[in-house]
Every structure is written in C-alpha cells, then in structure tokens.
Amino acid sequence: MMTFRHIDHCSRHSIVGPAGRRIIVISATQQGATVVYTLANLYHDPPRIQHKPPVSKLGHPIFDGVKKSSMKAIITGITGQDGAYLAELLLEKGYTVYGTYRRTSSVNFWRIEELGIQNNPNLHLVEYDLTDLSASIRLLQTTGATEVYNLAAQSFVGVSFEQPLTTAEITGIGAVNLLEAIRIVNTKIRFYQASTSEMFGKVQAIPQVESTPFYPRSPYGVAKLYAHWMTINYRESYDIFATSGILFNHESPLRGREFVTRKITDSVAKIKLGLIESFELGNMDAKRDWGFAKEYVEGMWRMLQADEPDTFVLATNRTETVRDFVSMAFKATGVTIKWEGEAESEKGICADTGKVLVSVNPKFYRPTEVELLIGNPAKAKEVLGWEPKTNLEELCRMMVEADLRRNEKGFSF
C-alpha cells in the first residue's frame, strides 16, 4: 500500500492509455517537490481485477448452479419489505435476482422465507457494502445485471435525527455509488431509485405530484432528495436510463415493527390475545397516504420497462391519520375504540369495557413533523398503467390477521 507523508497538495486526473484503458495520475507535492504516481484504473480493465466473486447465502460463487436467465436484476436491500416483494415478483417473471444485504451481526431473511422464495435457484443473496464504490463496480461486472433496483437505505425517519451522517452516507451517497458504477461499467444498465414522499415534508401543494416543490423535514428526507436529484443528473448528463419512484407510505404484513402501522397491528394483535394490556404512540394527528407494498413494487418494475426514464409518484390519493389507522386495526379484531382528550392527553378507550388501550407518549414525537402527505398517481396510471387496488381497510385487516397468526405461534418479527 502506498502512503503519502507530509503532503502539501495532491491532485488526481485520468488519461486514456494503451488499448483504451484509462490511467489514473496522482500528483503529490511533498516539501516543495512534485512526485507523480500513475496507477492503472482497474475499473476499465475487468479481466485483470483480482477479487473473489460475491457469494450466495450458501457460500457458493453466484455463477454456479442453474442456467441463468437473460433478465438479471440486482435488488439492494432485499431483506426489507419492498426488496422481498420485488424479488418475488421478478422471480415470477423469470429473472435471475441478485439480492444484496449488509454485513451485520444478525442478518435476518425472515421476509423472503415467509414468501417461500428462499430456496429458489434463481435467487442469489450477496453481501455488499453500498458505501463502497469499488464494491458497486464489482457487483455490476460479476452479475451482468441489466436492471438495478436501489431499495437499500437507512430508512427510519426517527433514527435519521440521531444518525444524520450515517443516513447521508448510506441513503444519499450509496445511491451515487451505484450510479457512478453504472457510468463506469455499462451505461445501458437500467436504474431505479427508491425516492420517498418524505422529500415533500413541509408540503407546498396538496395533493403532491411529480412537479411539486420539495421541502424535506428530516435528515432521511434530505438524503433521499440528494439521491433523487443525482438520479436525474446522471440521467441527463450520461444518458443513463435512471428512473426515480416517489413512493408514498406503503405497508404490508412484511413491514418492520419499527414503523408505526406495523407497531399498531402487532400491538392490537397482542391485546386481542391477552399478551399486553395497552400500548403507546406519538402524534395521533399525523396524516399519511398508505398503500399496499406488494402493488407498489410492481410499479417499480413497470418504471424500468417504460420507453423513457422519468419520475413517477406512486400513491393512493387518500390520506388518513394515525388515529384512523388505530381504529381500523381494532375494528379488525371486533373492538370499537372511542377517543377522549387531546394532544398528549389523548387516549383510545374500548367502547365496551372502558379500558384504556392506547395512549400518547411525547417521546415518540419527531423533532419536526411532515404535514399533509397525499399523492396523486395520475401520471403513473397514464404512462405505466399502474394504479392501487387494495384499500386501507383491507390492508389493515390483512396486517392484523398476519400478526394474530404470528403471535399465536409465539413469535412476531
């Protein structure tokens, strides 16, 4: 490894060398003298790269096994709700899927196991660091993927206030690493960026559409907005098929319990089964446009099959409060909730027994709350033929029933 000591100034540029290979030239000024180092840019000379190929969950090289489909897709963040549903969809359509996950102390594949796709021979699980550009380049080169769906992110809004730098690096810079890797490896690779309604934040228009001005209210929203604009920049600068999907909140039985909807349905199921007496929430007046995640991942796929790359809003054009969702969840178990009090004193009470089942705790409030989020998906319907089909009551009931089944068996992810 080369180490520069006592460097006063350092610059880097590249030139085209023999056989079209690019050469990195590093000029370093050391105590008044200029020293020039040249390094072959291995990104443009794939056969000479020395590395171990990404491996599957079972430890085998990802090229081993069954004959590969000509349709190959990378899904970053496959362990999440959207990643699992998207993998299921693409496998059904005949894709070979490379799903990436972060190295952690306890990698959890429960979602793909719950969908029953964990043993599909066309699904390959690859350990990958989104913050490493060289890892992104190797991933594209070794898989030969034609589509990349970037779903990986530090996606918890509350955590983003506690970890703004980590959120920026993973959620913002991580997307740019993939875009830059596409620019270097193959500009024909199609790229989907998972943007979010949190970018609208302090809303400037109701409902929100693709052209509505952004005003994010959290480090998460800001990081996503950076990735969103960089996606557009790479599209326009390098003619890359880079599409951004501004997805409003989308839920499912695969949602993590860190999110308010799943916290609600899991808690309601536990109350129904006598496992807990009550639970606490934050801002009951927060309003969201909630849809079914399984339908939204189809919208992602449709975006990459379109004739031209663009930006699309996926939403239901309906908004409800957290309070409304709580009432729906209890209704799915045959319980009617009446609400008393306001703000931090508000309580949800069982109409039949008078027991307090839900209360407000200020510790669950966000430092800054977004306002009325409601999206109009008219463009997606016109261009992609996509529209939501499952209403919120059906979705809520689906989630409660799934949590009842899990808790009856003694576990709940």
Protein backbone atom coordinates (compact mmCIF):
# COMPACT_ATOMS: atom_id res chain seq x y z
CA MET A 1 0.00 0.00 0.00
CA MET A 2 1.35 3.43 -0.91
CA THR A 3 1.28 6.07 1.83
CA PHE A 4 1.88 9.80 1.31
CA ARG A 5 3.60 11.59 4.16
CA HIS A 6 3.96 15.34 4.63
CA ILE A 7 1.85 16.10 1.57
CA ASP A 8 1.27 19.78 0.86
CA HIS A 9 -1.01 19.30 -2.13
CA CYS A 10 -2.46 16.35 -4.03
CA SER A 11 -4.42 16.21 -7.31
CA ARG A 12 -5.94 13.39 -9.34
CA HIS A 13 -6.92 13.12 -13.00
CA SER A 14 -7.10 10.43 -15.65
CA ILE A 15 -5.86 9.94 -19.22
CA VAL A 16 -6.50 7.31 -21.87
CA GLY A 17 -3.66 4.82 -22.18
CA PRO A 18 -2.95 1.81 -24.42
CA ALA A 19 -5.91 -0.26 -25.65
CA GLY A 20 -8.28 2.42 -24.45
CA ARG A 21 -7.50 1.82 -20.80
CA ARG A 22 -7.78 4.80 -18.52
CA ILE A 23 -4.82 5.69 -16.34
CA ILE A 24 -5.15 7.47 -13.00
CA VAL A 25 -2.46 10.11 -12.48
CA ILE A 26 -1.84 11.31 -8.94
CA SER A 27 0.41 14.31 -8.43
CA ALA A 28 1.56 14.96 -4.88
CA THR A 29 3.67 17.87 -3.72
CA GLN A 30 5.96 16.80 -0.91
CA GLN A 31 8.02 19.50 0.76
CA GLY A 32 8.23 21.58 -2.41
CA ALA A 33 8.97 18.69 -4.84
CA THR A 34 6.31 17.21 -7.11
CA VAL A 35 6.11 13.42 -7.31
CA VAL A 36 3.87 11.81 -9.94
CA TYR A 37 2.41 8.34 -9.48
CA THR A 38 0.43 6.52 -12.19
CA LEU A 39 -1.97 3.71 -11.45
CA ALA A 40 -3.90 1.58 -13.95
CA ASN A 41 -7.59 2.13 -13.41
CA LEU A 42 -8.76 -1.41 -12.87
CA TYR A 43 -12.39 -0.39 -13.29
CA HIS A 44 -11.78 -0.22 -17.05
CA ASP A 45 -9.84 -3.47 -17.25
CA PRO A 46 -12.23 -6.07 -15.74
CA PRO A 47 -10.26 -9.22 -16.69
CA ARG A 48 -7.32 -8.05 -14.58
CA ILE A 49 -9.33 -7.41 -11.43
CA GLN A 50 -8.24 -9.76 -8.68
CA HIS A 51 -11.11 -10.44 -6.32
CA LYS A 52 -13.38 -13.15 -5.04
CA PRO A 53 -16.81 -13.04 -6.69
CA PRO A 54 -19.78 -12.24 -4.48
CA VAL A 55 -21.15 -15.41 -2.91
CA SER A 56 -24.62 -16.63 -2.21
CA LYS A 57 -26.05 -17.26 1.24
CA LEU A 58 -24.77 -20.83 0.95
CA GLY A 59 -21.24 -19.65 0.20
CA HIS A 60 -21.16 -20.67 -3.47
CA PRO A 61 -19.99 -18.32 -6.26
CA ILE A 62 -23.03 -16.63 -7.75
CA PHE A 63 -22.26 -18.02 -11.22
CA ASP A 64 -22.68 -21.64 -10.01
CA GLY A 65 -25.90 -23.61 -10.30
CA VAL A 66 -28.76 -23.30 -12.75
CA LYS A 67 -28.69 -21.75 -16.19
CA LYS A 68 -29.13 -18.01 -15.87
CA SER A 69 -31.94 -16.05 -17.43
CA SER A 70 -31.05 -13.23 -19.81
CA MET A 71 -33.04 -10.98 -17.46
CA LYS A 72 -30.83 -10.24 -14.49
CA ALA A 73 -31.66 -7.79 -11.74
CA ILE A 74 -29.87 -6.51 -8.66
CA ILE A 75 -32.03 -5.57 -5.68
CA THR A 76 -30.19 -3.70 -2.96
CA GLY A 77 -31.84 -4.10 0.41
CA ILE A 78 -33.51 -7.44 -0.32
CA THR A 79 -34.04 -8.13 3.38
CA GLY A 80 -36.55 -5.28 3.61
CA GLN A 81 -40.27 -5.28 2.87
CA ASP A 82 -40.00 -3.91 -0.67
CA GLY A 83 -36.93 -5.96 -1.52
CA ALA A 84 -38.64 -9.22 -0.62
CA TYR A 85 -41.83 -8.44 -2.56
CA LEU A 86 -39.84 -7.22 -5.57
CA ALA A 87 -37.70 -10.37 -5.55
CA GLU A 88 -40.86 -12.48 -5.53
CA LEU A 89 -42.28 -10.52 -8.48
CA LEU A 90 -39.10 -10.69 -10.58
CA LEU A 91 -38.63 -14.40 -9.94
CA GLU A 92 -42.19 -15.00 -11.12
CA LYS A 93 -41.32 -13.09 -14.30
CA GLY A 94 -38.29 -15.29 -14.97
CA TYR A 95 -35.48 -13.05 -13.76
CA THR A 96 -32.27 -14.14 -12.12
CA VAL A 97 -32.19 -12.00 -8.98
CA TYR A 98 -29.13 -10.90 -7.03
CA GLY A 99 -30.29 -9.56 -3.69
CA THR A 100 -27.81 -7.64 -1.60
CA TYR A 101 -27.66 -7.31 2.15
CA ARG A 102 -25.39 -5.58 4.63
CA ARG A 103 -22.99 -7.44 6.86
CA THR A 104 -24.46 -7.26 10.35
CA SER A 105 -24.23 -9.30 13.50
CA SER A 106 -27.65 -10.84 12.78
CA VAL A 107 -28.73 -10.81 9.14
CA ASN A 108 -32.42 -11.63 9.02
CA PHE A 109 -34.01 -13.23 5.96
CA TRP A 110 -37.42 -13.81 7.53
CA ARG A 111 -39.28 -11.91 4.84
CA ILE A 112 -38.04 -13.95 1.89
CA GLU A 113 -38.60 -17.07 3.98
CA GLU A 114 -42.17 -16.02 4.73
CA LEU A 115 -42.76 -15.55 1.00
CA GLY A 116 -41.29 -19.02 0.36
CA ILE A 117 -38.66 -17.88 -2.14
CA GLN A 118 -35.51 -18.53 -0.10
CA ASN A 119 -34.71 -21.77 -1.98
CA ASN A 120 -35.49 -20.50 -5.47
CA PRO A 121 -32.44 -21.45 -7.60
CA ASN A 122 -32.59 -18.10 -9.41
CA LEU A 123 -32.28 -16.10 -6.19
CA HIS A 124 -28.75 -15.28 -5.04
CA LEU A 125 -28.05 -13.41 -1.80
CA VAL A 126 -24.93 -11.28 -1.95
CA GLU A 127 -23.16 -9.50 0.88
CA TYR A 128 -22.50 -5.95 -0.30
CA ASP A 129 -21.42 -2.56 1.06
CA LEU A 130 -23.41 0.20 -0.63
CA THR A 131 -20.98 2.84 0.60
CA ASP A 132 -18.05 1.27 -1.31
CA LEU A 133 -17.77 2.37 -4.95
CA SER A 134 -15.39 -0.45 -5.87
CA ALA A 135 -17.83 -2.99 -4.43
CA SER A 136 -20.59 -1.49 -6.58
CA ILE A 137 -18.43 -1.79 -9.68
CA ARG A 138 -17.54 -5.41 -8.94
CA LEU A 139 -21.18 -6.24 -8.30
CA LEU A 140 -22.23 -4.94 -11.72
CA GLN A 141 -19.33 -6.62 -13.50
CA THR A 142 -19.72 -10.05 -11.93
CA THR A 143 -23.51 -10.33 -12.17
CA GLY A 144 -24.01 -8.90 -15.64
CA ALA A 145 -27.24 -7.35 -14.37
CA THR A 146 -29.40 -5.37 -16.79
CA GLU A 147 -31.55 -3.75 -14.11
CA VAL A 148 -30.67 -2.31 -10.70
CA TYR A 149 -33.30 -1.52 -8.08
CA ASN A 150 -31.79 0.57 -5.29
CA LEU A 151 -34.01 -0.02 -2.28
CA ALA A 152 -31.29 -0.06 0.40
CA ALA A 153 -31.27 2.86 2.82
CA GLN A 154 -31.20 3.89 6.44
CA SER A 155 -34.96 4.23 6.20
CA PHE A 156 -36.10 5.07 9.72
CA VAL A 157 -37.00 8.75 9.91
CA GLY A 158 -36.62 8.90 13.68
CA VAL A 159 -33.18 7.27 13.59
CA SER A 160 -32.06 9.75 10.92
CA PHE A 161 -32.18 12.55 13.51
CA GLU A 162 -29.91 10.51 15.79
CA GLN A 163 -27.59 9.34 12.99
CA PRO A 164 -27.60 12.05 10.28
CA LEU A 165 -24.11 11.24 8.94
CA THR A 166 -24.78 7.52 8.60
CA THR A 167 -28.10 8.30 6.97
CA ALA A 168 -26.43 10.63 4.47
CA GLU A 169 -23.72 8.13 3.59
CA ILE A 170 -25.99 5.12 3.09
CA THR A 171 -29.15 6.75 1.78
CA GLY A 172 -27.58 9.55 -0.25
CA ILE A 173 -24.01 8.67 -1.25
CA GLY A 174 -24.87 4.99 -1.58
CA ALA A 175 -27.19 5.75 -4.49
CA VAL A 176 -24.50 7.81 -6.21
CA ASN A 177 -22.02 4.94 -5.88
CA LEU A 178 -24.39 2.77 -7.90
CA LEU A 179 -24.98 5.47 -10.49
CA GLU A 180 -21.25 6.04 -10.85
CA ALA A 181 -20.68 2.29 -11.16
CA ILE A 182 -23.22 2.16 -13.98
CA ARG A 183 -21.49 5.05 -15.71
CA ILE A 184 -18.16 3.21 -15.49
CA VAL A 185 -19.28 -0.34 -16.26
CA ASN A 186 -22.23 -0.09 -18.65
CA THR A 187 -24.48 2.90 -19.24
CA LYS A 188 -27.15 0.60 -20.72
CA ILE A 189 -27.98 -0.80 -17.28
CA ARG A 190 -31.38 0.48 -16.14
CA PHE A 191 -31.53 2.01 -12.67
CA TYR A 192 -34.44 2.52 -10.27
CA GLN A 193 -34.04 4.85 -7.29
CA ALA A 194 -36.46 4.47 -4.40
CA SER A 195 -37.42 8.05 -3.59
CA THR A 196 -39.98 8.96 -0.95
CA SER A 197 -42.87 11.26 -0.10
CA GLU A 198 -40.78 12.42 2.88
CA MET A 199 -38.99 14.67 0.37
CA PHE A 200 -42.14 16.82 0.25
CA GLY A 201 -42.07 17.29 4.04
CA LYS A 202 -43.48 20.77 4.62
CA VAL A 203 -45.84 20.39 1.71
CA GLN A 204 -46.09 23.17 -0.84
CA ALA A 205 -49.19 21.84 -2.62
CA ILE A 206 -51.99 19.34 -2.00
CA PRO A 207 -52.06 16.71 -3.40
CA GLN A 208 -48.41 16.20 -4.26
CA VAL A 209 -47.36 15.30 -7.81
CA GLU A 210 -44.03 14.87 -9.60
CA SER A 211 -43.60 18.63 -10.08
CA THR A 212 -44.48 19.68 -6.51
CA PRO A 213 -41.56 21.57 -4.87
CA PHE A 214 -39.67 19.62 -2.22
CA TYR A 215 -39.17 20.68 1.40
CA PRO A 216 -37.81 17.73 3.43
CA ARG A 217 -38.15 17.88 7.21
CA SER A 218 -35.74 15.15 8.32
CA PRO A 219 -32.18 14.02 7.60
CA TYR A 220 -33.73 10.98 5.92
CA GLY A 221 -35.81 13.16 3.60
CA VAL A 222 -32.81 15.35 2.79
CA ALA A 223 -30.61 12.34 1.99
CA LYS A 224 -33.31 10.86 -0.23
CA LEU A 225 -33.70 14.18 -2.03
CA TYR A 226 -29.97 14.26 -2.78
CA ALA A 227 -30.16 10.74 -4.23
CA HIS A 228 -33.26 11.74 -6.21
CA TRP A 229 -31.60 14.75 -7.84
CA MET A 230 -28.41 12.80 -8.53
CA THR A 231 -30.52 10.19 -10.30
CA ILE A 232 -31.93 12.90 -12.54
CA ASN A 233 -28.45 14.41 -13.01
CA TYR A 234 -26.95 11.10 -14.18
CA ARG A 235 -29.94 10.57 -16.46
CA GLU A 236 -29.42 13.92 -18.14
CA SER A 237 -25.61 14.02 -18.06
CA TYR A 238 -24.76 10.47 -19.14
CA ASP A 239 -27.93 9.31 -20.92
CA ILE A 240 -28.47 6.57 -18.33
CA PHE A 241 -31.93 5.04 -18.00
CA ALA A 242 -32.26 6.26 -14.41
CA THR A 243 -35.77 6.44 -13.01
CA SER A 244 -36.97 7.75 -9.66
CA GLY A 245 -40.12 6.48 -7.98
CA ILE A 246 -41.54 8.84 -5.37
CA LEU A 247 -43.41 6.30 -3.29
CA PHE A 248 -45.80 7.37 -0.59
CA ASN A 249 -46.12 5.20 2.51
CA HIS A 250 -46.71 1.58 1.60
CA GLU A 251 -47.35 -1.11 4.17
CA SER A 252 -47.85 -4.87 4.37
CA PRO A 253 -47.57 -7.83 6.75
CA LEU A 254 -43.83 -7.70 5.94
CA ARG A 255 -43.42 -4.21 7.37
CA GLY A 256 -40.94 -3.90 10.23
CA ARG A 257 -42.28 -3.26 13.72
CA GLU A 258 -40.20 -0.07 13.82
CA PHE A 259 -42.83 1.53 11.58
CA VAL A 260 -46.00 2.91 13.12
CA THR A 261 -48.51 0.87 11.09
CA ARG A 262 -46.90 -2.44 11.97
CA LYS A 263 -46.39 -1.36 15.58
CA ILE A 264 -50.13 -0.73 15.70
CA THR A 265 -51.26 -4.01 14.11
CA ASP A 266 -48.81 -6.08 16.16
CA SER A 267 -49.88 -4.37 19.39
CA VAL A 268 -53.58 -4.77 18.58
CA ALA A 269 -53.00 -8.48 17.91
CA LYS A 270 -51.18 -8.86 21.23
CA ILE A 271 -54.05 -7.13 23.07
CA LYS A 272 -56.55 -9.44 21.37
CA LEU A 273 -54.54 -12.47 22.52
CA GLY A 274 -54.11 -11.11 26.06
CA LEU A 275 -50.35 -10.71 25.73
CA ILE A 276 -50.32 -6.98 26.59
CA GLU A 277 -52.81 -4.53 28.13
CA SER A 278 -52.15 -1.39 26.08
CA PHE A 279 -49.55 0.47 24.00
CA GLU A 280 -48.26 4.00 23.36
CA LEU A 281 -47.93 6.10 20.22
CA GLY A 282 -46.74 9.58 19.27
CA ASN A 283 -48.54 12.16 17.13
CA MET A 284 -52.05 10.84 16.51
CA ASP A 285 -52.82 13.66 14.07
CA ALA A 286 -50.03 12.77 11.62
CA LYS A 287 -51.58 12.07 8.22
CA ARG A 288 -50.26 9.67 5.62
CA ASP A 289 -51.17 8.23 2.25
CA TRP A 290 -50.88 4.47 2.88
CA GLY A 291 -50.90 1.80 0.15
CA PHE A 292 -50.08 -1.90 -0.24
CA ALA A 293 -46.35 -2.55 -0.75
CA LYS A 294 -46.85 -5.59 -3.00
CA GLU A 295 -48.65 -3.41 -5.53
CA TYR A 296 -46.02 -0.68 -5.31
CA VAL A 297 -43.12 -2.95 -6.27
CA GLU A 298 -44.97 -3.77 -9.49
CA GLY A 299 -44.92 -0.04 -10.16
CA MET A 300 -41.14 -0.06 -9.70
CA TRP A 301 -40.79 -2.82 -12.28
CA ARG A 302 -43.08 -1.03 -14.72
CA MET A 303 -40.92 2.09 -14.47
CA LEU A 304 -37.89 0.19 -15.79
CA GLN A 305 -39.94 -1.31 -18.64
CA ALA A 306 -41.09 2.12 -19.87
CA ASP A 307 -39.86 3.62 -23.14
CA GLU A 308 -38.18 6.56 -21.40
CA PRO A 309 -36.77 7.13 -17.89
CA ASP A 310 -38.75 9.56 -15.77
CA THR A 311 -40.01 10.36 -12.29
CA PHE A 312 -43.28 8.86 -11.05
CA VAL A 313 -45.43 9.24 -7.93
CA LEU A 314 -46.98 6.04 -6.57
CA ALA A 315 -49.75 6.75 -4.07
CA THR A 316 -53.45 6.17 -3.36
CA ASN A 317 -54.63 9.81 -3.36
CA ARG A 318 -56.21 9.17 0.05
CA THR A 319 -54.89 10.24 3.44
CA GLU A 320 -55.77 9.10 6.96
CA THR A 321 -54.49 9.94 10.44
CA VAL A 322 -52.61 7.57 12.72
CA ARG A 323 -55.72 7.69 14.90
CA ASP A 324 -57.84 6.42 12.00
CA PHE A 325 -55.45 3.54 11.41
CA VAL A 326 -55.61 2.54 15.07
CA SER A 327 -59.41 2.46 14.91
CA MET A 328 -59.28 0.31 11.75
CA ALA A 329 -56.88 -2.14 13.37
CA PHE A 330 -59.05 -2.61 16.45
CA LYS A 331 -62.14 -2.94 14.26
CA ALA A 332 -60.44 -5.88 12.53
CA THR A 333 -60.48 -7.68 15.91
CA GLY A 334 -64.08 -6.71 16.71
CA VAL A 335 -63.20 -3.86 19.08
CA THR A 336 -64.64 -0.35 18.81
CA ILE A 337 -62.42 2.48 20.02
CA LYS A 338 -63.65 5.85 21.26
CA TRP A 339 -61.23 8.74 21.65
CA GLU A 340 -61.03 11.12 24.58
CA GLY A 341 -58.70 14.03 25.35
CA GLU A 342 -56.39 15.99 23.11
CA ALA A 343 -52.71 16.02 22.16
CA GLU A 344 -50.57 14.35 24.84
CA SER A 345 -53.65 13.64 26.96
CA GLU A 346 -55.49 11.74 24.22
CA LYS A 347 -56.48 8.15 24.91
CA GLY A 348 -58.10 5.37 22.91
CA ILE A 349 -60.70 3.59 25.05
CA CYS A 350 -62.54 0.32 24.41
CA ALA A 351 -66.19 1.28 23.94
CA ASP A 352 -67.41 -1.94 25.61
CA THR A 353 -65.12 -2.21 28.64
CA GLY A 354 -63.91 1.34 29.21
CA LYS A 355 -60.29 0.15 29.37
CA VAL A 356 -57.58 2.44 28.03
CA LEU A 357 -55.91 0.59 25.18
CA VAL A 358 -53.91 3.38 23.54
CA SER A 359 -52.23 6.45 24.99
CA VAL A 360 -49.85 9.15 23.76
CA ASN A 361 -46.22 9.43 24.83
CA PRO A 362 -44.30 12.55 23.73
CA LYS A 363 -41.07 10.54 23.37
CA PHE A 364 -42.46 9.15 20.12
CA TYR A 365 -42.88 12.60 18.57
CA ARG A 366 -40.48 13.56 15.78
CA PRO A 367 -38.36 16.72 16.20
CA THR A 368 -40.06 18.07 13.07
CA GLU A 369 -43.20 16.54 11.62
CA VAL A 370 -44.18 16.47 7.97
CA GLU A 371 -47.55 17.89 7.09
CA LEU A 372 -50.39 16.50 4.99
CA LEU A 373 -48.95 13.87 2.66
CA ILE A 374 -51.26 12.75 -0.13
CA GLY A 375 -50.07 11.80 -3.59
CA ASN A 376 -51.75 11.86 -6.98
CA PRO A 377 -50.58 8.89 -9.11
CA ALA A 378 -52.31 10.07 -12.30
CA LYS A 379 -49.06 10.12 -14.29
CA ALA A 380 -48.21 6.55 -13.30
CA LYS A 381 -51.68 5.43 -14.37
CA GLU A 382 -51.44 7.20 -17.72
CA VAL A 383 -47.87 6.21 -18.63
CA LEU A 384 -47.37 2.92 -16.80
CA GLY A 385 -50.90 1.62 -16.46
CA TRP A 386 -50.37 1.39 -12.69
CA GLU A 387 -52.94 2.13 -10.01
CA PRO A 388 -53.54 0.94 -6.42
CA LYS A 389 -56.14 -1.77 -5.91
CA THR A 390 -56.18 -2.56 -2.17
CA ASN A 391 -57.91 -0.04 0.09
CA LEU A 392 -56.59 0.86 3.53
CA GLU A 393 -59.25 -1.06 5.46
CA GLU A 394 -58.37 -4.27 3.58
CA LEU A 395 -54.66 -3.66 4.06
CA CYS A 396 -55.04 -3.01 7.78
CA ARG A 397 -57.12 -6.16 8.26
CA MET A 398 -54.52 -8.18 6.31
CA MET A 399 -51.76 -6.93 8.61
CA VAL A 400 -53.72 -7.59 11.81
CA GLU A 401 -54.56 -11.14 10.71
CA ALA A 402 -50.91 -11.84 9.91
CA ASP A 403 -49.85 -10.55 13.34
CA LEU A 404 -52.50 -12.65 15.05
CA ARG A 405 -51.12 -15.76 13.33
CA ARG A 406 -47.54 -14.91 14.28
CA ASN A 407 -48.33 -14.10 17.90
CA GLU A 408 -50.44 -17.24 18.29
CA LYS A 409 -47.32 -19.21 17.35
CA GLY A 410 -45.29 -17.31 19.92
CA PHE A 411 -43.19 -15.13 17.67
CA SER A 412 -43.51 -11.85 15.83
CA PHE A 413 -40.82 -10.31 13.63
